Amino acid sequence: MAFWLVKSEPGHWSWEDQVKNGTTFWDGVRNYQASNNLKAMALGDQAFFYHSVNEKRIVGIVEVVRLYYPDPSDASGRFGMVDLKAVEALPQPVTLEQIKSDPRLNHLALVRQSRLSVMPVDAEAWALIRSLGGLAA
């Protein structure tokens, strides 16, 4: 299993929206690197759900339940999407400030490529962030 982080603007699609809908498609990705990350996802992979813009914090975990397929909102036909299912909320959201202040996490794309909307997370960082969020590693 691989681990990821997906970003969403809470005013557009929030963790609460994700939980209410259960499973949804993750569309609108128009960056090639982020798109390649979506393509690399496997069924059962998990991702942190990150509220971007004003909140800048990880608030939950989602699971990949449908592999990469064409995004109908992309007229060019170059980009696709995956379906994600809500798994669980973090009891304590983990802020970008917390992540940046921890030297064990400074290698993450969240710190180094702040505008990337879909990114990998290594197993050690995944366990540490889960722990910071109040979940068992």
N, C-alpha and C. Protein backbone atom coordinates (compact mmCIF):
# COMPACT_ATOMS: atom_id res chain seq x y z
N MET A 1 0.84 -1.18 0.00
CA MET A 1 0.00 0.00 0.00
C MET A 1 0.88 1.24 0.00
N ALA A 2 0.48 2.22 -0.79
CA ALA A 2 1.17 3.51 -0.83
C ALA A 2 0.31 4.55 -0.10
N PHE A 3 0.95 5.65 0.26
CA PHE A 3 0.27 6.72 0.98
C PHE A 3 0.42 8.02 0.20
N TRP A 4 -0.58 8.88 0.34
CA TRP A 4 -0.67 10.10 -0.44
C TRP A 4 -1.21 11.23 0.41
N LEU A 5 -1.22 12.42 -0.16
CA LEU A 5 -1.90 13.56 0.41
C LEU A 5 -2.62 14.25 -0.74
N VAL A 6 -3.90 14.54 -0.54
CA VAL A 6 -4.69 15.28 -1.54
C VAL A 6 -5.18 16.56 -0.90
N LYS A 7 -5.13 17.64 -1.66
CA LYS A 7 -5.52 18.95 -1.15
C LYS A 7 -6.87 19.36 -1.73
N SER A 8 -7.64 20.04 -0.90
CA SER A 8 -8.90 20.61 -1.34
C SER A 8 -9.14 21.92 -0.61
N GLU A 9 -9.71 22.87 -1.33
CA GLU A 9 -10.11 24.12 -0.70
C GLU A 9 -11.42 23.85 0.04
N PRO A 10 -11.45 24.06 1.36
CA PRO A 10 -12.65 23.71 2.11
C PRO A 10 -13.91 24.44 1.66
N GLY A 11 -13.76 25.61 1.05
CA GLY A 11 -14.93 26.31 0.53
C GLY A 11 -15.49 25.67 -0.73
N HIS A 12 -14.65 24.87 -1.40
CA HIS A 12 -15.07 24.17 -2.62
C HIS A 12 -15.49 22.73 -2.31
N TRP A 13 -14.69 22.00 -1.58
CA TRP A 13 -14.97 20.62 -1.17
C TRP A 13 -14.26 20.38 0.15
N SER A 14 -15.03 20.23 1.22
CA SER A 14 -14.46 20.10 2.56
C SER A 14 -14.48 18.65 3.03
N TRP A 15 -13.80 18.40 4.13
CA TRP A 15 -13.84 17.09 4.76
C TRP A 15 -15.30 16.74 5.11
N GLU A 16 -16.04 17.71 5.58
CA GLU A 16 -17.44 17.48 5.91
C GLU A 16 -18.22 17.03 4.68
N ASP A 17 -17.94 17.65 3.52
CA ASP A 17 -18.58 17.23 2.26
C ASP A 17 -18.20 15.79 1.95
N GLN A 18 -16.92 15.46 2.11
CA GLN A 18 -16.43 14.12 1.82
C GLN A 18 -17.14 13.09 2.70
N VAL A 19 -17.23 13.37 3.98
CA VAL A 19 -17.87 12.45 4.92
C VAL A 19 -19.35 12.30 4.58
N LYS A 20 -20.01 13.40 4.29
CA LYS A 20 -21.44 13.37 3.96
C LYS A 20 -21.70 12.52 2.72
N ASN A 21 -20.83 12.64 1.71
CA ASN A 21 -21.01 11.91 0.46
C ASN A 21 -20.39 10.52 0.50
N GLY A 22 -19.50 10.27 1.43
CA GLY A 22 -18.87 8.96 1.56
C GLY A 22 -17.80 8.73 0.52
N THR A 23 -18.22 8.55 -0.74
CA THR A 23 -17.29 8.32 -1.85
C THR A 23 -17.56 9.38 -2.92
N THR A 24 -16.48 9.89 -3.49
CA THR A 24 -16.63 10.87 -4.56
C THR A 24 -15.44 10.78 -5.50
N PHE A 25 -15.59 11.37 -6.66
CA PHE A 25 -14.50 11.45 -7.63
C PHE A 25 -13.62 12.63 -7.28
N TRP A 26 -12.31 12.49 -7.53
CA TRP A 26 -11.34 13.55 -7.26
C TRP A 26 -10.95 14.14 -8.60
N ASP A 27 -11.70 15.14 -9.04
CA ASP A 27 -11.54 15.71 -10.37
C ASP A 27 -10.86 17.08 -10.32
N GLY A 28 -10.64 17.64 -11.50
CA GLY A 28 -10.12 19.00 -11.59
C GLY A 28 -8.61 19.14 -11.52
N VAL A 29 -7.89 18.05 -11.40
CA VAL A 29 -6.42 18.12 -11.33
C VAL A 29 -5.89 18.42 -12.73
N ARG A 30 -5.14 19.51 -12.86
CA ARG A 30 -4.62 19.93 -14.17
C ARG A 30 -3.11 20.12 -14.18
N ASN A 31 -2.44 19.62 -13.18
CA ASN A 31 -0.99 19.66 -13.11
C ASN A 31 -0.48 18.27 -13.47
N TYR A 32 0.51 18.19 -14.37
CA TYR A 32 0.98 16.88 -14.84
C TYR A 32 1.58 16.03 -13.74
N GLN A 33 2.33 16.63 -12.83
CA GLN A 33 2.93 15.85 -11.75
C GLN A 33 1.84 15.30 -10.83
N ALA A 34 0.87 16.14 -10.48
CA ALA A 34 -0.24 15.69 -9.64
C ALA A 34 -1.05 14.62 -10.36
N SER A 35 -1.25 14.79 -11.66
CA SER A 35 -1.98 13.80 -12.46
C SER A 35 -1.24 12.46 -12.48
N ASN A 36 0.08 12.51 -12.62
CA ASN A 36 0.87 11.28 -12.59
C ASN A 36 0.76 10.59 -11.23
N ASN A 37 0.65 11.38 -10.17
CA ASN A 37 0.46 10.80 -8.85
C ASN A 37 -0.90 10.10 -8.76
N LEU A 38 -1.94 10.70 -9.34
CA LEU A 38 -3.24 10.03 -9.38
C LEU A 38 -3.15 8.71 -10.15
N LYS A 39 -2.42 8.72 -11.27
CA LYS A 39 -2.25 7.51 -12.09
C LYS A 39 -1.54 6.41 -11.31
N ALA A 40 -0.64 6.79 -10.41
CA ALA A 40 0.15 5.82 -9.65
C ALA A 40 -0.62 5.21 -8.48
N MET A 41 -1.78 5.75 -8.16
CA MET A 41 -2.54 5.23 -7.02
C MET A 41 -3.10 3.85 -7.32
N ALA A 42 -3.14 3.01 -6.29
CA ALA A 42 -3.69 1.66 -6.38
C ALA A 42 -4.91 1.55 -5.47
N LEU A 43 -5.78 0.60 -5.78
CA LEU A 43 -6.94 0.37 -4.92
C LEU A 43 -6.46 0.06 -3.50
N GLY A 44 -7.08 0.70 -2.53
CA GLY A 44 -6.70 0.49 -1.13
C GLY A 44 -5.66 1.46 -0.61
N ASP A 45 -4.98 2.18 -1.51
CA ASP A 45 -4.05 3.22 -1.04
C ASP A 45 -4.84 4.22 -0.21
N GLN A 46 -4.16 4.83 0.75
CA GLN A 46 -4.81 5.84 1.57
C GLN A 46 -4.12 7.18 1.39
N ALA A 47 -4.90 8.24 1.63
CA ALA A 47 -4.38 9.60 1.48
C ALA A 47 -4.87 10.48 2.62
N PHE A 48 -4.01 11.38 3.03
CA PHE A 48 -4.44 12.42 3.96
C PHE A 48 -5.30 13.41 3.18
N PHE A 49 -6.35 13.87 3.78
CA PHE A 49 -7.24 14.90 3.22
C PHE A 49 -6.82 16.22 3.85
N TYR A 50 -6.32 17.12 3.02
CA TYR A 50 -5.72 18.38 3.48
C TYR A 50 -6.59 19.55 3.07
N HIS A 51 -6.99 20.37 4.04
CA HIS A 51 -7.70 21.61 3.76
C HIS A 51 -6.66 22.69 3.45
N SER A 52 -6.68 23.18 2.22
CA SER A 52 -5.70 24.19 1.80
C SER A 52 -6.25 25.60 2.05
N VAL A 53 -5.63 26.57 1.45
CA VAL A 53 -5.97 28.00 1.50
C VAL A 53 -5.81 28.53 2.92
N ASN A 54 -6.90 28.84 3.62
CA ASN A 54 -6.80 29.49 4.93
C ASN A 54 -6.51 28.52 6.07
N GLU A 55 -6.99 27.28 5.97
CA GLU A 55 -6.83 26.35 7.08
C GLU A 55 -5.45 25.70 7.12
N LYS A 56 -4.97 25.20 6.00
CA LYS A 56 -3.66 24.56 5.88
C LYS A 56 -3.44 23.51 6.96
N ARG A 57 -4.28 22.45 6.89
CA ARG A 57 -4.17 21.39 7.88
C ARG A 57 -4.74 20.08 7.34
N ILE A 58 -4.18 18.98 7.81
CA ILE A 58 -4.69 17.65 7.49
C ILE A 58 -5.82 17.36 8.45
N VAL A 59 -6.97 16.97 7.90
CA VAL A 59 -8.16 16.79 8.73
C VAL A 59 -8.73 15.38 8.70
N GLY A 60 -8.34 14.56 7.71
CA GLY A 60 -8.91 13.23 7.62
C GLY A 60 -8.10 12.31 6.72
N ILE A 61 -8.62 11.11 6.56
CA ILE A 61 -8.00 10.09 5.71
C ILE A 61 -9.05 9.53 4.77
N VAL A 62 -8.66 9.39 3.49
CA VAL A 62 -9.51 8.80 2.47
C VAL A 62 -8.80 7.59 1.87
N GLU A 63 -9.57 6.75 1.17
CA GLU A 63 -9.03 5.55 0.54
C GLU A 63 -9.39 5.54 -0.94
N VAL A 64 -8.48 5.09 -1.78
CA VAL A 64 -8.72 4.97 -3.22
C VAL A 64 -9.63 3.76 -3.46
N VAL A 65 -10.79 4.01 -4.07
CA VAL A 65 -11.75 2.92 -4.33
C VAL A 65 -12.03 2.74 -5.82
N ARG A 66 -11.52 3.63 -6.66
CA ARG A 66 -11.60 3.45 -8.12
C ARG A 66 -10.34 4.04 -8.72
N LEU A 67 -9.72 3.28 -9.60
CA LEU A 67 -8.48 3.70 -10.23
C LEU A 67 -8.71 4.82 -11.25
N TYR A 68 -7.63 5.42 -11.64
CA TYR A 68 -7.58 6.54 -12.59
C TYR A 68 -8.46 6.27 -13.82
N TYR A 69 -9.29 7.26 -14.15
CA TYR A 69 -10.14 7.19 -15.34
C TYR A 69 -10.35 8.62 -15.86
N PRO A 70 -10.83 8.79 -17.10
CA PRO A 70 -10.93 10.13 -17.69
C PRO A 70 -11.80 11.08 -16.86
N ASP A 71 -11.34 12.32 -16.76
CA ASP A 71 -12.08 13.38 -16.08
C ASP A 71 -12.97 14.06 -17.11
N PRO A 72 -14.29 13.90 -17.03
CA PRO A 72 -15.17 14.49 -18.04
C PRO A 72 -15.17 16.02 -18.05
N SER A 73 -14.64 16.65 -17.00
CA SER A 73 -14.58 18.12 -16.99
C SER A 73 -13.37 18.64 -17.76
N ASP A 74 -12.51 17.73 -18.25
CA ASP A 74 -11.33 18.12 -19.01
C ASP A 74 -11.59 17.96 -20.51
N ALA A 75 -11.83 19.08 -21.19
CA ALA A 75 -12.12 19.05 -22.63
C ALA A 75 -10.95 18.53 -23.45
N SER A 76 -9.72 18.67 -22.94
CA SER A 76 -8.54 18.23 -23.69
C SER A 76 -8.38 16.71 -23.68
N GLY A 77 -9.00 16.04 -22.71
CA GLY A 77 -8.88 14.60 -22.61
C GLY A 77 -7.54 14.12 -22.05
N ARG A 78 -6.73 15.05 -21.52
CA ARG A 78 -5.40 14.69 -21.01
C ARG A 78 -5.38 14.30 -19.55
N PHE A 79 -6.41 14.68 -18.80
CA PHE A 79 -6.37 14.48 -17.36
C PHE A 79 -7.48 13.55 -16.90
N GLY A 80 -7.24 12.94 -15.75
CA GLY A 80 -8.20 11.99 -15.21
C GLY A 80 -8.43 12.21 -13.73
N MET A 81 -9.05 11.21 -13.11
CA MET A 81 -9.40 11.32 -11.70
C MET A 81 -9.49 9.92 -11.10
N VAL A 82 -9.57 9.87 -9.79
CA VAL A 82 -9.80 8.63 -9.05
C VAL A 82 -11.00 8.86 -8.14
N ASP A 83 -11.55 7.80 -7.59
CA ASP A 83 -12.61 7.93 -6.60
C ASP A 83 -12.02 7.66 -5.23
N LEU A 84 -12.43 8.49 -4.27
CA LEU A 84 -11.93 8.40 -2.90
C LEU A 84 -13.10 8.24 -1.93
N LYS A 85 -12.88 7.41 -0.92
CA LYS A 85 -13.88 7.15 0.11
C LYS A 85 -13.36 7.66 1.45
N ALA A 86 -14.21 8.34 2.20
CA ALA A 86 -13.84 8.79 3.54
C ALA A 86 -13.59 7.58 4.44
N VAL A 87 -12.49 7.62 5.20
CA VAL A 87 -12.14 6.53 6.11
C VAL A 87 -12.32 6.99 7.56
N GLU A 88 -11.59 8.05 7.94
CA GLU A 88 -11.71 8.55 9.31
C GLU A 88 -11.14 9.96 9.42
N ALA A 89 -11.68 10.68 10.38
CA ALA A 89 -11.18 12.02 10.68
C ALA A 89 -10.00 11.92 11.63
N LEU A 90 -9.11 12.88 11.57
CA LEU A 90 -8.05 12.97 12.57
C LEU A 90 -8.65 13.63 13.81
N PRO A 91 -8.52 13.01 14.97
CA PRO A 91 -9.04 13.63 16.19
C PRO A 91 -8.47 15.03 16.43
N GLN A 92 -7.21 15.21 16.03
CA GLN A 92 -6.55 16.51 16.14
C GLN A 92 -5.98 16.85 14.77
N PRO A 93 -6.53 17.85 14.07
CA PRO A 93 -5.95 18.21 12.78
C PRO A 93 -4.46 18.53 12.92
N VAL A 94 -3.69 18.19 11.89
CA VAL A 94 -2.25 18.44 11.88
C VAL A 94 -2.01 19.61 10.92
N THR A 95 -1.47 20.68 11.46
CA THR A 95 -1.30 21.90 10.67
C THR A 95 -0.01 21.88 9.85
N LEU A 96 0.00 22.68 8.81
CA LEU A 96 1.20 22.85 8.01
C LEU A 96 2.34 23.38 8.88
N GLU A 97 2.02 24.25 9.81
CA GLU A 97 3.03 24.79 10.72
C GLU A 97 3.69 23.67 11.54
N GLN A 98 2.89 22.73 12.03
CA GLN A 98 3.45 21.59 12.78
C GLN A 98 4.37 20.77 11.89
N ILE A 99 3.94 20.53 10.66
CA ILE A 99 4.73 19.72 9.72
C ILE A 99 6.04 20.42 9.39
N LYS A 100 5.97 21.71 9.12
CA LYS A 100 7.18 22.47 8.78
C LYS A 100 8.15 22.55 9.95
N SER A 101 7.62 22.52 11.17
CA SER A 101 8.50 22.67 12.34
C SER A 101 9.14 21.35 12.76
N ASP A 102 8.73 20.24 12.16
CA ASP A 102 9.29 18.94 12.52
C ASP A 102 10.33 18.53 11.49
N PRO A 103 11.61 18.48 11.85
CA PRO A 103 12.65 18.15 10.88
C PRO A 103 12.49 16.78 10.23
N ARG A 104 11.76 15.88 10.88
CA ARG A 104 11.53 14.55 10.29
C ARG A 104 10.56 14.61 9.11
N LEU A 105 9.91 15.76 8.91
CA LEU A 105 8.92 15.89 7.84
C LEU A 105 9.30 16.93 6.79
N ASN A 106 10.48 17.52 6.91
CA ASN A 106 10.85 18.61 5.99
C ASN A 106 11.13 18.14 4.57
N HIS A 107 11.19 16.84 4.34
CA HIS A 107 11.41 16.30 2.99
C HIS A 107 10.11 16.18 2.19
N LEU A 108 8.97 16.31 2.84
CA LEU A 108 7.68 16.11 2.17
C LEU A 108 7.42 17.15 1.09
N ALA A 109 6.75 16.73 0.04
CA ALA A 109 6.37 17.65 -1.04
C ALA A 109 5.47 18.76 -0.50
N LEU A 110 4.73 18.50 0.55
CA LEU A 110 3.88 19.52 1.15
C LEU A 110 4.70 20.73 1.59
N VAL A 111 5.92 20.48 2.00
CA VAL A 111 6.84 21.55 2.43
C VAL A 111 7.63 22.08 1.24
N ARG A 112 8.08 21.20 0.37
CA ARG A 112 8.99 21.58 -0.72
C ARG A 112 8.30 22.02 -1.99
N GLN A 113 7.09 21.53 -2.25
CA GLN A 113 6.33 21.89 -3.46
C GLN A 113 4.92 22.26 -3.03
N SER A 114 4.80 23.38 -2.40
CA SER A 114 3.56 23.75 -1.72
C SER A 114 2.34 23.85 -2.63
N ARG A 115 2.53 24.03 -3.93
CA ARG A 115 1.39 24.19 -4.82
C ARG A 115 0.90 22.86 -5.42
N LEU A 116 1.63 21.79 -5.21
CA LEU A 116 1.25 20.48 -5.73
C LEU A 116 0.01 19.96 -4.97
N SER A 117 -1.01 19.52 -5.71
CA SER A 117 -2.29 19.17 -5.07
C SER A 117 -2.45 17.69 -4.74
N VAL A 118 -1.63 16.83 -5.34
CA VAL A 118 -1.66 15.39 -5.06
C VAL A 118 -0.21 14.95 -4.96
N MET A 119 0.17 14.38 -3.80
CA MET A 119 1.58 14.07 -3.58
C MET A 119 1.75 12.79 -2.77
N PRO A 120 2.88 12.11 -2.97
CA PRO A 120 3.16 10.92 -2.17
C PRO A 120 3.60 11.28 -0.76
N VAL A 121 3.36 10.35 0.15
CA VAL A 121 3.83 10.46 1.53
C VAL A 121 4.48 9.11 1.86
N ASP A 122 5.71 9.14 2.35
CA ASP A 122 6.39 7.88 2.69
C ASP A 122 5.80 7.30 3.97
N ALA A 123 6.04 6.01 4.18
CA ALA A 123 5.44 5.28 5.30
C ALA A 123 5.82 5.86 6.66
N GLU A 124 7.06 6.29 6.82
CA GLU A 124 7.49 6.85 8.10
C GLU A 124 6.77 8.16 8.40
N ALA A 125 6.66 9.02 7.39
CA ALA A 125 5.95 10.29 7.57
C ALA A 125 4.47 10.04 7.81
N TRP A 126 3.90 9.06 7.11
CA TRP A 126 2.50 8.70 7.30
C TRP A 126 2.24 8.34 8.76
N ALA A 127 3.07 7.48 9.31
CA ALA A 127 2.90 7.04 10.70
C ALA A 127 3.07 8.20 11.67
N LEU A 128 4.03 9.06 11.42
CA LEU A 128 4.28 10.20 12.30
C LEU A 128 3.10 11.18 12.26
N ILE A 129 2.60 11.48 11.08
CA ILE A 129 1.48 12.43 10.96
C ILE A 129 0.22 11.84 11.60
N ARG A 130 -0.01 10.54 11.39
CA ARG A 130 -1.15 9.88 12.06
C ARG A 130 -1.04 10.06 13.58
N SER A 131 0.16 9.87 14.10
CA SER A 131 0.39 10.00 15.53
C SER A 131 0.14 11.43 15.99
N LEU A 132 0.66 12.39 15.25
CA LEU A 132 0.42 13.81 15.58
C LEU A 132 -1.06 14.14 15.56
N GLY A 133 -1.81 13.44 14.71
CA GLY A 133 -3.25 13.67 14.59
C GLY A 133 -4.09 12.90 15.58
N GLY A 134 -3.44 12.14 16.46
CA GLY A 134 -4.16 11.42 17.50
C GLY A 134 -4.61 10.03 17.12
N LEU A 135 -4.05 9.47 16.03
CA LEU A 135 -4.38 8.10 15.61
C LEU A 135 -3.19 7.19 15.86
N ALA A 136 -3.45 5.92 16.01
CA ALA A 136 -2.38 4.95 16.16
C ALA A 136 -1.58 4.89 14.86
N ALA A 137 -0.27 4.81 14.99
CA ALA A 137 0.60 4.76 13.81
C ALA A 137 0.40 3.44 13.13
